[in-house]
PDB file of N, CA and C in Angstrom:
ATOM      1  N   ILE A   1     144.997  66.247 110.689  1.00  0.00           N
ATOM      2  CA  ILE A   1     145.132  67.578 111.380  1.00  0.00           C
ATOM      3  C   ILE A   1     145.453  67.720 112.751  1.00  0.00           C
ATOM      4  N   GLN A   2     146.630  68.417 113.146  1.00  0.00           N
ATOM      5  CA  GLN A   2     147.126  68.509 114.275  1.00  0.00           C
ATOM      6  C   GLN A   2     146.914  69.772 115.043  1.00  0.00           C
ATOM      7  N   ILE A   3     147.185  70.080 116.402  1.00  0.00           N
ATOM      8  CA  ILE A   3     147.077  71.120 116.890  1.00  0.00           C
ATOM      9  C   ILE A   3     148.734  71.546 117.280  1.00  0.00           C
ATOM     10  N   VAL A   4     148.975  72.736 117.195  1.00  0.00           N
ATOM     11  CA  VAL A   4     150.368  73.298 117.380  1.00  0.00           C
ATOM     12  C   VAL A   4     150.303  74.441 118.141  1.00  0.00           C
ATOM     13  N   VAL A   5     151.301  74.976 118.754  1.00  0.00           N
ATOM     14  CA  VAL A   5     151.522  76.234 119.130  1.00  0.00           C
ATOM     15  C   VAL A   5     152.616  76.990 118.639  1.00  0.00           C
ATOM     16  N   THR A   6     152.030  78.120 118.200  1.00  0.00           N
ATOM     17  CA  THR A   6     152.866  79.191 117.275  1.00  0.00           C
ATOM     18  C   THR A   6     153.730  79.869 118.344  1.00  0.00           C
ATOM     19  N   PRO A   7     154.910  80.316 117.861  1.00  0.00           N
ATOM     20  CA  PRO A   7     155.708  81.264 118.478  1.00  0.00           C
ATOM     21  C   PRO A   7     155.191  82.296 119.581  1.00  0.00           C
ATOM     22  N   ARG A   8     154.288  83.046 119.067  1.00  0.00           N
ATOM     23  CA  ARG A   8     153.482  83.563 119.836  1.00  0.00           C
ATOM     24  C   ARG A   8     152.454  83.038 121.040  1.00  0.00           C
ATOM     25  N   ASN A   9     152.530  81.730 120.848  1.00  0.00           N
ATOM     26  CA  ASN A   9     151.665  81.203 121.916  1.00  0.00           C
ATOM     27  C   ASN A   9     150.318  81.025 121.805  1.00  0.00           C
ATOM     28  N   PHE A  10     150.072  81.143 120.294  1.00  0.00           N
ATOM     29  CA  PHE A  10     148.603  80.685 119.762  1.00  0.00           C
ATOM     30  C   PHE A  10     148.495  79.504 119.359  1.00  0.00           C
ATOM     31  N   LEU A  11     147.253  78.832 119.580  1.00  0.00           N
ATOM     32  CA  LEU A  11     147.150  77.367 119.352  1.00  0.00           C
ATOM     33  C   LEU A  11     146.547  77.600 117.668  1.00  0.00           C
ATOM     34  N   VAL A  12     146.912  76.724 116.645  1.00  0.00           N
ATOM     35  CA  VAL A  12     146.616  76.632 115.460  1.00  0.00           C
ATOM     36  C   VAL A  12     146.728  75.347 115.181  1.00  0.00           C
ATOM     37  N   VAL A  13     145.844  74.735 113.592  1.00  0.00           N
ATOM     38  CA  VAL A  13     145.866  73.509 113.259  1.00  0.00           C
ATOM     39  C   VAL A  13     146.718  73.443 111.851  1.00  0.00           C
ATOM     40  N   ASP A  14     147.289  72.529 111.595  1.00  0.00           N
ATOM     41  CA  ASP A  14     148.014  72.401 110.174  1.00  0.00           C
ATOM     42  C   ASP A  14     147.716  70.697 109.991  1.00  0.00           C
ATOM     43  N   CYS A  15     148.601  70.199 108.951  1.00  0.00           N
ATOM     44  CA  CYS A  15     148.629  69.185 108.516  1.00  0.00           C
ATOM     45  C   CYS A  15     149.793  68.563 108.349  1.00  0.00           C
ATOM     46  N   LYS A  16     150.796  69.112 109.120  1.00  0.00           N
ATOM     47  CA  LYS A  16     151.988  68.537 109.175  1.00  0.00           C
ATOM     48  C   LYS A  16     152.667  67.559 110.116  1.00  0.00           C
ATOM     49  N   GLY A  17     151.776  66.986 110.812  1.00  0.00           N
ATOM     50  CA  GLY A  17     151.905  66.206 111.713  1.00  0.00           C
ATOM     51  C   GLY A  17     152.255  64.576 111.479  1.00  0.00           C
ATOM     52  N   PRO A  18     152.503  63.654 112.388  1.00  0.00           N
ATOM     53  CA  PRO A  18     152.166  62.404 111.805  1.00  0.00           C
ATOM     54  C   PRO A  18     150.936  61.846 111.898  1.00  0.00           C
ATOM     55  N   LEU A  19     150.810  60.700 111.265  1.00  0.00           N
ATOM     56  CA  LEU A  19     149.611  59.972 111.229  1.00  0.00           C
ATOM     57  C   LEU A  19     150.031  58.807 112.266  1.00  0.00           C
ATOM     58  N   SER A  20     149.575  58.991 113.536  1.00  0.00           N
ATOM     59  CA  SER A  20     149.947  57.744 114.417  1.00  0.00           C
ATOM     60  C   SER A  20     149.185  57.681 115.452  1.00  0.00           C
ATOM     61  N   THR A  21     149.038  56.542 116.197  1.00  0.00           N
ATOM     62  CA  THR A  21     148.025  56.621 117.338  1.00  0.00           C
ATOM     63  C   THR A  21     149.431  56.937 118.641  1.00  0.00           C
ATOM     64  N   THR A  22     150.459  57.506 118.429  1.00  0.00           N
ATOM     65  CA  THR A  22     150.927  58.060 119.458  1.00  0.00           C
ATOM     66  C   THR A  22     151.289  59.563 119.400  1.00  0.00           C
ATOM     67  N   ALA A  23     150.180  60.096 118.534  1.00  0.00           N
ATOM     68  CA  ALA A  23     150.448  61.608 118.456  1.00  0.00           C
ATOM     69  C   ALA A  23     149.067  62.213 118.760  1.00  0.00           C
ATOM     70  N   PRO A  24     149.008  62.529 120.216  1.00  0.00           N
ATOM     71  CA  PRO A  24     147.452  62.621 120.860  1.00  0.00           C
ATOM     72  C   PRO A  24     147.312  63.999 120.264  1.00  0.00           C
ATOM     73  N   HIS A  25     148.074  65.160 119.746  1.00  0.00           N
ATOM     74  CA  HIS A  25     147.608  66.447 119.212  1.00  0.00           C
ATOM     75  C   HIS A  25     147.092  66.439 117.967  1.00  0.00           C
ATOM     76  N   ALA A  26     147.296  65.069 117.430  1.00  0.00           N
ATOM     77  CA  ALA A  26     146.441  64.965 116.049  1.00  0.00           C
ATOM     78  C   ALA A  26     145.217  64.080 116.267  1.00  0.00           C
ATOM     79  N   HIS A  27     144.826  63.861 117.420  1.00  0.00           N
ATOM     80  CA  HIS A  27     143.790  62.767 117.754  1.00  0.00           C
ATOM     81  C   HIS A  27     142.560  63.676 117.940  1.00  0.00           C
ATOM     82  N   TRP A  28     141.489  63.685 117.218  1.00  0.00           N
ATOM     83  CA  TRP A  28     140.488  64.560 117.152  1.00  0.00           C
ATOM     84  C   TRP A  28     138.982  63.512 117.626  1.00  0.00           C
ATOM     85  N   THR A  29     138.266  64.131 118.710  1.00  0.00           N
ATOM     86  CA  THR A  29     136.873  63.548 119.001  1.00  0.00           C
ATOM     87  C   THR A  29     135.956  64.284 118.150  1.00  0.00           C
ATOM     88  N   VAL A  30     134.975  63.341 117.528  1.00  0.00           N
ATOM     89  CA  VAL A  30     133.979  63.801 116.544  1.00  0.00           C
ATOM     90  C   VAL A  30     132.547  63.705 117.414  1.00  0.00           C
ATOM     91  N   PHE A  31     132.172  64.554 117.974  1.00  0.00           N
ATOM     92  CA  PHE A  31     130.858  64.730 118.761  1.00  0.00           C
ATOM     93  C   PHE A  31     129.728  64.823 117.409  1.00  0.00           C
ATOM     94  N   ARG A  32     129.154  64.183 117.385  1.00  0.00           N
ATOM     95  CA  ARG A  32     127.800  64.048 116.536  1.00  0.00           C
ATOM     96  C   ARG A  32     126.452  64.637 116.964  1.00  0.00           C
ATOM     97  N   GLU A  33     126.118  65.571 116.598  1.00  0.00           N
ATOM     98  CA  GLU A  33     124.734  66.090 117.212  1.00  0.00           C
ATOM     99  C   GLU A  33     123.526  65.076 116.634  1.00  0.00           C
ATOM    100  N   ASN A  34     122.784  64.817 117.629  1.00  0.00           N
ATOM    101  CA  ASN A  34     121.383  64.045 117.303  1.00  0.00           C
ATOM    102  C   ASN A  34     121.280  63.146 116.081  1.00  0.00           C
ATOM    103  N   ARG A  35     122.430  62.398 116.112  1.00  0.00           N
ATOM    104  CA  ARG A  35     122.165  61.352 114.719  1.00  0.00           C
ATOM    105  C   ARG A  35     122.053  62.172 113.338  1.00  0.00           C
ATOM    106  N   SER A  36     122.685  63.469 113.431  1.00  0.00           N
ATOM    107  CA  SER A  36     122.508  64.099 111.969  1.00  0.00           C
ATOM    108  C   SER A  36     124.134  64.177 111.389  1.00  0.00           C
ATOM    109  N   ASN A  37     124.181  64.897 110.363  1.00  0.00           N
ATOM    110  CA  ASN A  37     125.596  65.002 109.711  1.00  0.00           C
ATOM    111  C   ASN A  37     126.104  66.398 110.380  1.00  0.00           C
ATOM    112  N   VAL A  38     125.935  66.632 110.990  1.00  0.00           N
ATOM    113  CA  VAL A  38     126.327  67.948 112.058  1.00  0.00           C
ATOM    114  C   VAL A  38     127.284  67.585 113.346  1.00  0.00           C
ATOM    115  N   VAL A  39     128.531  67.854 113.403  1.00  0.00           N
ATOM    116  CA  VAL A  39     129.730  67.346 114.178  1.00  0.00           C
ATOM    117  C   VAL A  39     130.233  68.588 114.883  1.00  0.00           C
ATOM    118  N   LYS A  40     130.839  68.416 115.845  1.00  0.00           N
ATOM    119  CA  LYS A  40     131.902  69.188 116.395  1.00  0.00           C
ATOM    120  C   LYS A  40     133.261  68.501 116.450  1.00  0.00           C
ATOM    121  N   LEU A  41     134.237  69.130 116.356  1.00  0.00           N
ATOM    122  CA  LEU A  41     135.830  68.322 116.139  1.00  0.00           C
ATOM    123  C   LEU A  41     136.456  69.054 117.440  1.00  0.00           C
ATOM    124  N   TYR A  42     136.805  68.212 118.514  1.00  0.00           N
ATOM    125  CA  TYR A  42     137.832  68.723 119.515  1.00  0.00           C
ATOM    126  C   TYR A  42     138.792  67.726 119.901  1.00  0.00           C
ATOM    127  N   ASN A  43     139.772  68.455 120.558  1.00  0.00           N
ATOM    128  CA  ASN A  43     141.075  67.702 121.022  1.00  0.00           C
ATOM    129  C   ASN A  43     141.448  68.466 122.263  1.00  0.00           C
ATOM    130  N   ASN A  44     141.197  67.683 123.328  1.00  0.00           N
ATOM    131  CA  ASN A  44     141.451  68.006 124.771  1.00  0.00           C
ATOM    132  C   ASN A  44     141.052  69.381 125.146  1.00  0.00           C
ATOM    133  N   GLY A  45     139.740  69.492 124.702  1.00  0.00           N
ATOM    134  CA  GLY A  45     138.968  70.975 124.918  1.00  0.00           C
ATOM    135  C   GLY A  45     139.520  72.070 124.248  1.00  0.00           C
ATOM    136  N   ASN A  46     139.883  71.609 123.028  1.00  0.00           N
ATOM    137  CA  ASN A  46     140.108  72.496 121.735  1.00  0.00           C
ATOM    138  C   ASN A  46     139.268  72.160 120.754  1.00  0.00           C
ATOM    139  N   TYR A  47     138.442  73.065 120.355  1.00  0.00           N
ATOM    140  CA  TYR A  47     137.544  72.951 119.306  1.00  0.00           C
ATOM    141  C   TYR A  47     137.992  73.589 117.956  1.00  0.00           C
ATOM    142  N   LEU A  48     137.912  72.796 116.853  1.00  0.00           N
ATOM    143  CA  LEU A  48     138.204  73.433 115.467  1.00  0.00           C
ATOM    144  C   LEU A  48     136.799  74.397 115.414  1.00  0.00           C
ATOM    145  N   GLY A  49     136.868  75.610 115.314  1.00  0.00           N
ATOM    146  CA  GLY A  49     136.110  76.685 114.774  1.00  0.00           C
ATOM    147  C   GLY A  49     136.330  77.645 113.838  1.00  0.00           C
ATOM    148  N   VAL A  50     135.094  78.749 113.851  1.00  0.00           N
ATOM    149  CA  VAL A  50     135.454  79.846 113.021  1.00  0.00           C
ATOM    150  C   VAL A  50     135.210  81.063 113.618  1.00  0.00           C
ATOM    151  N   MET A  51     135.872  82.141 113.572  1.00  0.00           N
ATOM    152  CA  MET A  51     135.625  83.585 114.020  1.00  0.00           C
ATOM    153  C   MET A  51     136.439  84.562 112.847  1.00  0.00           C
ATOM    154  N   ASP A  52     135.385  85.385 112.425  1.00  0.00           N
ATOM    155  CA  ASP A  52     135.727  86.455 111.456  1.00  0.00           C
ATOM    156  C   ASP A  52     136.222  85.792 109.950  1.00  0.00           C
ATOM    157  N   GLY A  53     135.832  84.784 109.900  1.00  0.00           N
ATOM    158  CA  GLY A  53     136.137  84.160 108.499  1.00  0.00           C
ATOM    159  C   GLY A  53     137.394  83.203 108.446  1.00  0.00           C
ATOM    160  N   GLN A  54     138.054  82.998 109.862  1.00  0.00           N
ATOM    161  CA  GLN A  54     139.055  82.515 109.805  1.00  0.00           C
ATOM    162  C   GLN A  54     138.888  80.973 110.700  1.00  0.00           C
ATOM    163  N   LEU A  55     139.593  80.109 110.430  1.00  0.00           N
ATOM    164  CA  LEU A  55     139.558  78.939 110.982  1.00  0.00           C
ATOM    165  C   LEU A  55     140.696  79.089 112.263  1.00  0.00           C
ATOM    166  N   ILE A  56     140.018  78.525 113.498  1.00  0.00           N
ATOM    167  CA  ILE A  56     140.674  79.058 114.681  1.00  0.00           C
ATOM    168  C   ILE A  56     140.461  77.726 115.488  1.00  0.00           C
ATOM    169  N   VAL A  57     141.079  77.795 116.687  1.00  0.00           N
ATOM    170  CA  VAL A  57     141.328  76.765 117.699  1.00  0.00           C
ATOM    171  C   VAL A  57     140.413  77.539 118.738  1.00  0.00           C
ATOM    172  N   ILE A  58     139.469  76.873 119.146  1.00  0.00           N
ATOM    173  CA  ILE A  58     138.640  77.710 120.310  1.00  0.00           C
ATOM    174  C   ILE A  58     138.849  76.781 121.933  1.00  0.00           C
ATOM    175  N   ASN A  59     139.426  77.253 122.888  1.00  0.00           N
ATOM    176  CA  ASN A  59     139.375  76.435 124.074  1.00  0.00           C
ATOM    177  C   ASN A  59     137.863  76.539 124.692  1.00  0.00           C
ATOM    178  N   TYR A  60     137.263  75.421 125.142  1.00  0.00           N
ATOM    179  CA  TYR A  60     136.075  74.919 125.700  1.00  0.00           C
ATOM    180  C   TYR A  60     136.195  73.566 126.431  1.00  0.00           C
ATOM    181  N   THR A  61     136.099  73.594 127.798  1.00  0.00           N
ATOM    182  CA  THR A  61     136.229  72.634 128.341  1.00  0.00           C
ATOM    183  C   THR A  61     134.922  71.918 128.778  1.00  0.00           C
ATOM    184  N   GLY A  62     133.859  72.785 128.489  1.00  0.00           N
ATOM    185  CA  GLY A  62     132.566  72.266 129.208  1.00  0.00           C
ATOM    186  C   GLY A  62     132.063  70.930 128.415  1.00  0.00           C
ATOM    187  N   ASN A  63     130.645  70.665 128.309  1.00  0.00           N
ATOM    188  CA  ASN A  63     129.999  69.621 127.436  1.00  0.00           C
ATOM    189  C   ASN A  63     129.906  69.892 126.017  1.00  0.00           C
ATOM    190  N   PRO A  64     130.373  68.964 125.342  1.00  0.00           N
ATOM    191  CA  PRO A  64     130.538  69.471 123.863  1.00  0.00           C
ATOM    192  C   PRO A  64     128.938  69.874 123.311  1.00  0.00           C
ATOM    193  N   THR A  65     127.977  69.576 124.052  1.00  0.00           N
ATOM    194  CA  THR A  65     126.544  69.898 123.639  1.00  0.00           C
ATOM    195  C   THR A  65     126.393  71.569 123.494  1.00  0.00           C
ATOM    196  N   GLN A  66     127.341  72.074 124.505  1.00  0.00           N
ATOM    197  CA  GLN A  66     127.254  73.463 124.998  1.00  0.00           C
ATOM    198  C   GLN A  66     128.275  74.255 124.063  1.00  0.00           C
ATOM    199  N   ALA A  67     129.353  73.627 123.563  1.00  0.00           N
ATOM    200  CA  ALA A  67     129.978  74.477 122.754  1.00  0.00           C
ATOM    201  C   ALA A  67     129.647  75.519 122.010  1.00  0.00           C
ATOM    202  N   PRO A  68     130.730  76.599 121.587  1.00  0.00           N
ATOM    203  CA  PRO A  68     129.963  77.750 120.844  1.00  0.00           C
ATOM    204  C   PRO A  68     129.630  77.221 119.409  1.00  0.00           C
ATOM    205  N   LEU A  69     128.481  77.858 118.858  1.00  0.00           N
ATOM    206  CA  LEU A  69     128.045  77.608 117.678  1.00  0.00           C
ATOM    207  C   LEU A  69     128.955  77.440 116.441  1.00  0.00           C
ATOM    208  N   SER A  70     130.013  78.343 116.581  1.00  0.00           N
ATOM    209  CA  SER A  70     130.983  78.696 115.650  1.00  0.00           C
ATOM    210  C   SER A  70     131.786  77.223 115.580  1.00  0.00           C
ATOM    211  N   THR A  71     131.568  76.182 116.354  1.00  0.00           N
ATOM    212  CA  THR A  71     132.426  75.062 116.275  1.00  0.00           C
ATOM    213  C   THR A  71     131.548  73.652 115.746  1.00  0.00           C
ATOM    214  N   ARG A  72     130.411  74.290 114.909  1.00  0.00           N
ATOM    215  CA  ARG A  72     129.662  73.287 114.484  1.00  0.00           C
ATOM    216  C   ARG A  72     129.714  73.100 112.705  1.00  0.00           C
ATOM    217  N   TRP A  73     129.939  72.009 112.229  1.00  0.00           N
ATOM    218  CA  TRP A  73     130.657  71.596 111.016  1.00  0.00           C
ATOM    219  C   TRP A  73     129.425  70.493 110.263  1.00  0.00           C
ATOM    220  N   LYS A  74     129.023  70.710 109.125  1.00  0.00           N
ATOM    221  CA  LYS A  74     128.199  69.738 108.585  1.00  0.00           C
ATOM    222  C   LYS A  74     129.040  68.832 107.748  1.00  0.00           C
ATOM    223  N   VAL A  75     129.081  67.671 107.833  1.00  0.00           N
ATOM    224  CA  VAL A  75     129.852  66.807 106.861  1.00  0.00           C
ATOM    225  C   VAL A  75     129.322  66.171 105.749  1.00  0.00           C
ATOM    226  N   TYR A  76     130.270  66.264 104.694  1.00  0.00           N
ATOM    227  CA  TYR A  76     129.754  65.816 103.413  1.00  0.00           C
ATOM    228  C   TYR A  76     130.555  64.464 103.353  1.00  0.00           C
ATOM    229  N   GLN A  77     130.212  63.342 102.808  1.00  0.00           N
ATOM    230  CA  GLN A  77     131.015  62.212 102.791  1.00  0.00           C
ATOM    231  C   GLN A  77     130.586  61.582 101.160  1.00  0.00           C
ATOM    232  N   SER A  78     131.809  61.216 100.377  1.00  0.00           N
ATOM    233  CA  SER A  78     131.752  60.750  99.101  1.00  0.00           C
ATOM    234  C   SER A  78     132.810  59.644  99.331  1.00  0.00           C
ATOM    235  N   ASP A  79     132.696  58.131  99.095  1.00  0.00           N
ATOM    236  CA  ASP A  79     133.517  57.378  99.120  1.00  0.00           C
ATOM    237  C   ASP A  79     134.138  57.540 100.864  1.00  0.00           C
ATOM    238  N   GLN A  80     135.258  57.315 100.598  1.00  0.00           N
ATOM    239  CA  GLN A  80     135.755  57.582 101.977  1.00  0.00           C
ATOM    240  C   GLN A  80     136.438  59.087 102.190  1.00  0.00           C
ATOM    241  N   LYS A  81     136.253  59.748 101.612  1.00  0.00           N
ATOM    242  CA  LYS A  81     136.500  61.443 101.695  1.00  0.00           C
ATOM    243  C   LYS A  81     135.463  62.230 102.382  1.00  0.00           C
ATOM    244  N   LEU A  82     135.923  62.943 103.386  1.00  0.00           N
ATOM    245  CA  LEU A  82     134.957  63.970 104.239  1.00  0.00           C
ATOM    246  C   LEU A  82     135.353  65.167 104.066  1.00  0.00           C
ATOM    247  N   SER A  83     134.021  66.042 103.635  1.00  0.00           N
ATOM    248  CA  SER A  83     134.068  67.492 103.869  1.00  0.00           C
ATOM    249  C   SER A  83     133.525  68.043 105.154  1.00  0.00           C
ATOM    250  N   PHE A  84     134.120  69.396 105.554  1.00  0.00           N
ATOM    251  CA  PHE A  84     133.651  69.866 106.621  1.00  0.00           C
ATOM    252  C   PHE A  84     132.982  71.168 106.423  1.00  0.00           C
ATOM    253  N   GLU A  85     131.875  71.637 106.166  1.00  0.00           N
ATOM    254  CA  GLU A  85     131.273  72.697 105.929  1.00  0.00           C
ATOM    255  C   GLU A  85     130.885  73.672 107.111  1.00  0.00           C
ATOM    256  N   SER A  86     131.416  74.580 107.616  1.00  0.00           N
ATOM    257  CA  SER A  86     130.946  75.819 108.552  1.00  0.00           C
ATOM    258  C   SER A  86     129.530  76.157 108.774  1.00  0.00           C
ATOM    259  N   MET A  87     129.108  75.738 109.779  1.00  0.00           N
ATOM    260  CA  MET A  87     127.378  76.014 110.190  1.00  0.00           C
ATOM    261  C   MET A  87     127.425  77.594 110.381  1.00  0.00           C
ATOM    262  N   ALA A  88     128.597  78.080 110.839  1.00  0.00           N
ATOM    263  CA  ALA A  88     128.735  79.479 111.040  1.00  0.00           C
ATOM    264  C   ALA A  88     128.891  80.411 109.882  1.00  0.00           C
ATOM    265  N   GLN A  89     129.448  79.760 108.651  1.00  0.00           N
ATOM    266  CA  GLN A  89     129.666  80.613 107.735  1.00  0.00           C
ATOM    267  C   GLN A  89     129.532  79.578 106.320  1.00  0.00           C
ATOM    268  N   SER A  90     128.136  79.792 105.865  1.00  0.00           N
ATOM    269  CA  SER A  90     127.672  78.675 104.690  1.00  0.00           C
ATOM    270  C   SER A  90     128.744  78.885 103.589  1.00  0.00           C
ATOM    271  N   ALA A  91     128.792  77.621 102.909  1.00  0.00           N
ATOM    272  CA  ALA A  91     129.779  77.594 101.652  1.00  0.00           C
ATOM    273  C   ALA A  91     130.970  77.742 102.144  1.00  0.00           C
ATOM    274  N   HIS A  92     131.447  77.706 103.215  1.00  0.00           N
ATOM    275  CA  HIS A  92     132.838  77.815 103.743  1.00  0.00           C
ATOM    276  C   HIS A  92     133.409  76.413 104.418  1.00  0.00           C
ATOM    277  N   PHE A  93     134.508  75.783 103.867  1.00  0.00           N
ATOM    278  CA  PHE A  93     134.715  74.748 104.067  1.00  0.00           C
ATOM    279  C   PHE A  93     136.541  74.585 104.762  1.00  0.00           C
ATOM    280  N   ILE A  94     136.576  73.652 105.410  1.00  0.00           N
ATOM    281  CA  ILE A  94     137.918  73.434 106.173  1.00  0.00           C
ATOM    282  C   ILE A  94     138.905  73.062 104.811  1.00  0.00           C
ATOM    283  N   ALA A  95     139.905  73.799 104.451  1.00  0.00           N
ATOM    284  CA  ALA A  95     140.669  73.562 103.478  1.00  0.00           C
ATOM    285  C   ALA A  95     142.034  73.396 103.601  1.00  0.00           C
ATOM    286  N   LEU A  96     142.868  72.454 102.776  1.00  0.00           N
ATOM    287  CA  LEU A  96     144.331  72.381 102.955  1.00  0.00           C
ATOM    288  C   LEU A  96     144.931  72.873 101.973  1.00  0.00           C
ATOM    289  N   ASN A  97     146.169  73.841 102.119  1.00  0.00           N
ATOM    290  CA  ASN A  97     146.951  74.555 101.277  1.00  0.00           C
ATOM    291  C   ASN A  97     147.922  73.548 101.065  1.00  0.00           C
ATOM    292  N   LYS A  98     148.024  72.765  99.804  1.00  0.00           N
ATOM    293  CA  LYS A  98     148.957  71.817  99.796  1.00  0.00           C
ATOM    294  C   LYS A  98     150.495  72.213  99.648  1.00  0.00           C
ATOM    295  N   GLU A  99     150.523  73.320  99.259  1.00  0.00           N
ATOM    296  CA  GLU A  99     152.017  73.758  99.327  1.00  0.00           C
ATOM    297  C   GLU A  99     152.608  73.996 100.728  1.00  0.00           C
ATOM    298  N   ASP A 100     151.916  74.643 101.862  1.00  0.00           N
ATOM    299  CA  ASP A 100     152.940  74.630 102.887  1.00  0.00           C
ATOM    300  C   ASP A 100     151.917  73.762 104.100  1.00  0.00           C
ATOM    301  N   MET A 101     150.974  72.969 103.648  1.00  0.00           N
ATOM    302  CA  MET A 101     150.278  71.863 104.734  1.00  0.00           C
ATOM    303  C   MET A 101     149.428  72.494 105.491  1.00  0.00           C
ATOM    304  N   ASN A 102     149.028  74.111 105.502  1.00  0.00           N
ATOM    305  CA  ASN A 102     148.489  74.665 106.406  1.00  0.00           C
ATOM    306  C   ASN A 102     146.936  74.757 106.027  1.00  0.00           C
ATOM    307  N   LEU A 103     146.135  74.879 107.128  1.00  0.00           N
ATOM    308  CA  LEU A 103     144.838  74.755 107.014  1.00  0.00           C
ATOM    309  C   LEU A 103     144.002  76.339 106.957  1.00  0.00           C
ATOM    310  N   SER A 104     142.955  76.208 106.264  1.00  0.00           N
ATOM    311  CA  SER A 104     142.149  77.524 106.280  1.00  0.00           C
ATOM    312  C   SER A 104     140.779  77.426 106.076  1.00  0.00           C
ATOM    313  N   LEU A 105     140.129  78.397 106.054  1.00  0.00           N
ATOM    314  CA  LEU A 105     138.497  78.250 105.767  1.00  0.00           C
ATOM    315  C   LEU A 105     138.326  78.797 104.438  1.00  0.00           C
ATOM    316  N   LYS A 106     137.849  78.048 103.435  1.00  0.00           N
ATOM    317  CA  LYS A 106     137.868  78.563 102.232  1.00  0.00           C
ATOM    318  C   LYS A 106     136.333  78.278 101.405  1.00  0.00           C
ATOM    319  N   GLN A 107     136.014  79.492 100.809  1.00  0.00           N
ATOM    320  CA  GLN A 107     134.776  79.427 100.004  1.00  0.00           C
ATOM    321  C   GLN A 107     134.776  78.344  98.790  1.00  0.00           C
ATOM    322  N   CYS A 108     134.373  77.293  98.826  1.00  0.00           N
ATOM    323  CA  CYS A 108     134.602  76.153  98.017  1.00  0.00           C
ATOM    324  C   CYS A 108     133.404  75.315  97.879  1.00  0.00           C
ATOM    325  N   GLY A 109     133.285  74.168  97.437  1.00  0.00           N
ATOM    326  CA  GLY A 109     132.305  73.205  97.464  1.00  0.00           C
ATOM    327  C   GLY A 109     132.869  71.831  97.629  1.00  0.00           C
ATOM    328  N   VAL A 110     132.200  70.453  97.715  1.00  0.00           N
ATOM    329  CA  VAL A 110     132.674  69.204  98.232  1.00  0.00           C
ATOM    330  C   VAL A 110     133.262  68.789  97.348  1.00  0.00           C
ATOM    331  N   LEU A 111     133.180  69.159  96.074  1.00  0.00           N
ATOM    332  CA  LEU A 111     134.190  68.630  95.116  1.00  0.00           C
ATOM    333  C   LEU A 111     135.407  69.180  94.723  1.00  0.00           C
ATOM    334  N   ASP A 112     136.021  70.172  95.317  1.00  0.00           N
ATOM    335  CA  ASP A 112     137.224  70.703  95.532  1.00  0.00           C
ATOM    336  C   ASP A 112     137.974  69.883  96.761  1.00  0.00           C
ATOM    337  N   THR A 113     139.026  69.398  95.749  1.00  0.00           N
ATOM    338  CA  THR A 113     139.863  68.265  96.758  1.00  0.00           C
ATOM    339  C   THR A 113     140.721  68.877  97.648  1.00  0.00           C
ATOM    340  N   SER A 114     140.860  70.154  97.724  1.00  0.00           N
ATOM    341  CA  SER A 114     141.455  70.813  98.898  1.00  0.00           C
ATOM    342  C   SER A 114     140.867  70.599 100.073  1.00  0.00           C
ATOM    343  N   CYS A 115     139.418  70.250 100.013  1.00  0.00           N
ATOM    344  CA  CYS A 115     138.334  70.443 100.967  1.00  0.00           C
ATOM    345  C   CYS A 115     138.062  68.812 101.333  1.00  0.00           C
ATOM    346  N   ASN A 116     138.857  67.842 100.886  1.00  0.00           N
ATOM    347  CA  ASN A 116     138.483  66.589 101.330  1.00  0.00           C
ATOM    348  C   ASN A 116     139.623  65.976 102.146  1.00  0.00           C
ATOM    349  N   PHE A 117     139.357  65.163 103.207  1.00  0.00           N
ATOM    350  CA  PHE A 117     140.061  64.452 104.298  1.00  0.00           C
ATOM    351  C   PHE A 117     139.566  63.115 104.369  1.00  0.00           C
ATOM    352  N   LEU A 118     140.529  62.426 104.627  1.00  0.00           N
ATOM    353  CA  LEU A 118     140.351  60.900 104.815  1.00  0.00           C
ATOM    354  C   LEU A 118     140.234  60.680 106.526  1.00  0.00           C
ATOM    355  N   LEU A 119     139.339  59.933 106.889  1.00  0.00           N
ATOM    356  CA  LEU A 119     139.010  59.678 108.525  1.00  0.00           C
ATOM    357  C   LEU A 119     140.204  58.634 108.895  1.00  0.00           C
ATOM    358  N   TYR A 120     140.812  58.561 109.869  1.00  0.00           N
ATOM    359  CA  TYR A 120     141.879  57.557 110.311  1.00  0.00           C
ATOM    360  C   TYR A 120     141.484  57.393 111.803  1.00  0.00           C
ATOM    361  N   ARG A 121     140.954  56.395 111.619  1.00  0.00           N
ATOM    362  CA  ARG A 121     140.199  56.011 113.403  1.00  0.00           C
ATOM    363  C   ARG A 121     141.144  55.555 114.123  1.00  0.00           C
ATOM    364  N   VAL A 122     141.368  56.077 115.396  1.00  0.00           N
ATOM    365  CA  VAL A 122     142.148  55.482 116.545  1.00  0.00           C
ATOM    366  C   VAL A 122     141.603  54.749 117.407  1.00  0.00           C
ATOM    367  N   ARG A 123     140.421  55.062 117.825  1.00  0.00           N
ATOM    368  CA  ARG A 123     139.287  54.224 118.758  1.00  0.00           C
ATOM    369  C   ARG A 123     138.256  55.062 118.812  1.00  0.00           C
ATOM    370  N   ASP A 124     137.128  54.043 119.221  1.00  0.00           N
ATOM    371  CA  ASP A 124     135.702  54.713 119.157  1.00  0.00           C
ATOM    372  C   ASP A 124     135.413  55.136 120.607  1.00  0.00           C
ATOM    373  N   VAL A 125     135.027  56.179 120.822  1.00  0.00           N
ATOM    374  CA  VAL A 125     134.532  56.544 122.495  1.00  0.00           C
ATOM    375  C   VAL A 125     132.987  57.065 122.306  1.00  0.00           C
ATOM    376  N   ILE A 126     132.284  56.480 123.272  1.00  0.00           N
ATOM    377  CA  ILE A 126     131.019  56.619 122.957  1.00  0.00           C
ATOM    378  C   ILE A 126     130.509  57.730 124.527  1.00  0.00           C
ATOM    379  N   HIS A 127     129.997  58.888 124.110  1.00  0.00           N
ATOM    380  CA  HIS A 127     129.427  59.408 125.187  1.00  0.00           C
ATOM    381  C   HIS A 127     128.119  59.372 125.480  1.00  0.00           C
TER     382      HIS A 127
END
């Protein structure tokens, strides 16, 4: 998952980028809430969030504990696969459209393969 800038100067996410340690726009920090399976995903102050039923990038540069509630995701894990359910919109997951490699918010379940992602660890950062 990478952050890109649209021609209209909006930040969006897709899965078209490289899988590389030299691609900082595709490196996400996972902030885990109180040892639970609820996380916030951010890259350089840009959080993955939900607004009006859409997957969006929310700019927030403060403490991750104070980031908007719409940036909270419940994580489900099966083997090496992860699924992210929106805490703001129940039963809606981050999903990949395999035809154009764009991401969206989709009403589905953890067994839907378009909502399964693999984690590629770049480095551990302890807050």
